[in-house]
């Protein structure tokens, strides 16, 4: 589902921003 891809992308982006 597209929602899953968007959620995964958001999590990855949040992780990168945190680091």
PDB file of N, CA and C in Angstrom:
ATOM      1  N   UNK A   1       0.840  -1.212   0.000  1.00  0.00           N
ATOM      2  CA  UNK A   1       0.000   0.000   0.000  1.00  0.00           C
ATOM      3  C   UNK A   1       0.874   1.259   0.000  1.00  0.00           C
ATOM      4  N   UNK A   2       0.350   2.316  -0.577  1.00  0.00           N
ATOM      5  CA  UNK A   2       1.114   3.568  -0.629  1.00  0.00           C
ATOM      6  C   UNK A   2       1.348   4.116   0.773  1.00  0.00           C
ATOM      7  N   UNK A   3       0.345   3.946   1.631  1.00  0.00           N
ATOM      8  CA  UNK A   3       0.468   4.471   3.003  1.00  0.00           C
ATOM      9  C   UNK A   3       1.691   3.856   3.690  1.00  0.00           C
ATOM     10  N   UNK A   4       1.904   2.559   3.468  1.00  0.00           N
ATOM     11  CA  UNK A   4       3.034   1.886   4.108  1.00  0.00           C
ATOM     12  C   UNK A   4       4.347   2.506   3.626  1.00  0.00           C
ATOM     13  N   UNK A   5       4.445   2.750   2.321  1.00  0.00           N
ATOM     14  CA  UNK A   5       5.675   3.351   1.782  1.00  0.00           C
ATOM     15  C   UNK A   5       5.894   4.733   2.372  1.00  0.00           C
ATOM     16  N   UNK A   6       4.839   5.526   2.431  1.00  0.00           N
ATOM     17  CA  UNK A   6       4.963   6.885   2.982  1.00  0.00           C
ATOM     18  C   UNK A   6       5.379   6.819   4.443  1.00  0.00           C
ATOM     19  N   UNK A   7       4.783   5.907   5.197  1.00  0.00           N
ATOM     20  CA  UNK A   7       5.111   5.779   6.624  1.00  0.00           C
ATOM     21  C   UNK A   7       6.578   5.392   6.778  1.00  0.00           C
ATOM     22  N   UNK A   8       7.019   4.425   5.980  1.00  0.00           N
ATOM     23  CA  UNK A   8       8.419   3.984   6.071  1.00  0.00           C
ATOM     24  C   UNK A   8       9.351   5.141   5.737  1.00  0.00           C
ATOM     25  N   UNK A   9       9.019   5.884   4.664  1.00  0.00           N
ATOM     26  CA  UNK A   9       9.859   7.012   4.262  1.00  0.00           C
ATOM     27  C   UNK A   9       9.918   8.049   5.384  1.00  0.00           C
ATOM     28  N   UNK A  10       8.776   8.293   6.021  1.00  0.00           N
ATOM     29  CA  UNK A  10       8.719   9.285   7.100  1.00  0.00           C
ATOM     30  C   UNK A  10       9.602   8.840   8.262  1.00  0.00           C
ATOM     31  N   UNK A  11       9.540   7.559   8.594  1.00  0.00           N
ATOM     32  CA  UNK A  11      10.345   7.041   9.713  1.00  0.00           C
ATOM     33  C   UNK A  11      11.824   7.182   9.387  1.00  0.00           C
ATOM     34  N   UNK A  12      12.204   6.811   8.165  1.00  0.00           N
ATOM     35  CA  UNK A  12      13.619   6.911   7.769  1.00  0.00           C
ATOM     36  C   UNK A  12      14.071   8.364   7.825  1.00  0.00           C
ATOM     37  N   UNK A  13      13.236   9.253   7.318  1.00  0.00           N
ATOM     38  CA  UNK A  13      13.601  10.670   7.319  1.00  0.00           C
ATOM     39  C   UNK A  13      13.743  11.185   8.751  1.00  0.00           C
ATOM     40  N   UNK A  14      12.843  10.757   9.624  1.00  0.00           N
ATOM     41  CA  UNK A  14      12.901  11.201  11.021  1.00  0.00           C
ATOM     42  C   UNK A  14      14.197  10.701  11.656  1.00  0.00           C
ATOM     43  N   UNK A  15      14.562   9.460  11.362  1.00  0.00           N
ATOM     44  CA  UNK A  15      15.789   8.899  11.921  1.00  0.00           C
ATOM     45  C   UNK A  15      16.992   9.700  11.438  1.00  0.00           C
ATOM     46  N   UNK A  16      17.035   9.996  10.140  1.00  0.00           N
ATOM     47  CA  UNK A  16      18.163  10.758   9.597  1.00  0.00           C
ATOM     48  C   UNK A  16      18.216  12.139  10.235  1.00  0.00           C
ATOM     49  N   UNK A  17      17.045  12.757  10.417  1.00  0.00           N
ATOM     50  CA  UNK A  17      17.013  14.100  11.000  1.00  0.00           C
ATOM     51  C   UNK A  17      17.515  14.041  12.452  1.00  0.00           C
ATOM     52  N   UNK A  18      17.132  12.986  13.176  1.00  0.00           N
ATOM     53  CA  UNK A  18      17.544  12.861  14.571  1.00  0.00           C
ATOM     54  C   UNK A  18      19.071  12.746  14.645  1.00  0.00           C
ATOM     55  N   UNK A  19      19.630  11.942  13.757  1.00  0.00           N
ATOM     56  CA  UNK A  19      21.089  11.795  13.759  1.00  0.00           C
ATOM     57  C   UNK A  19      21.685  13.004  13.051  1.00  0.00           C
TER      58      UNK A  19
END
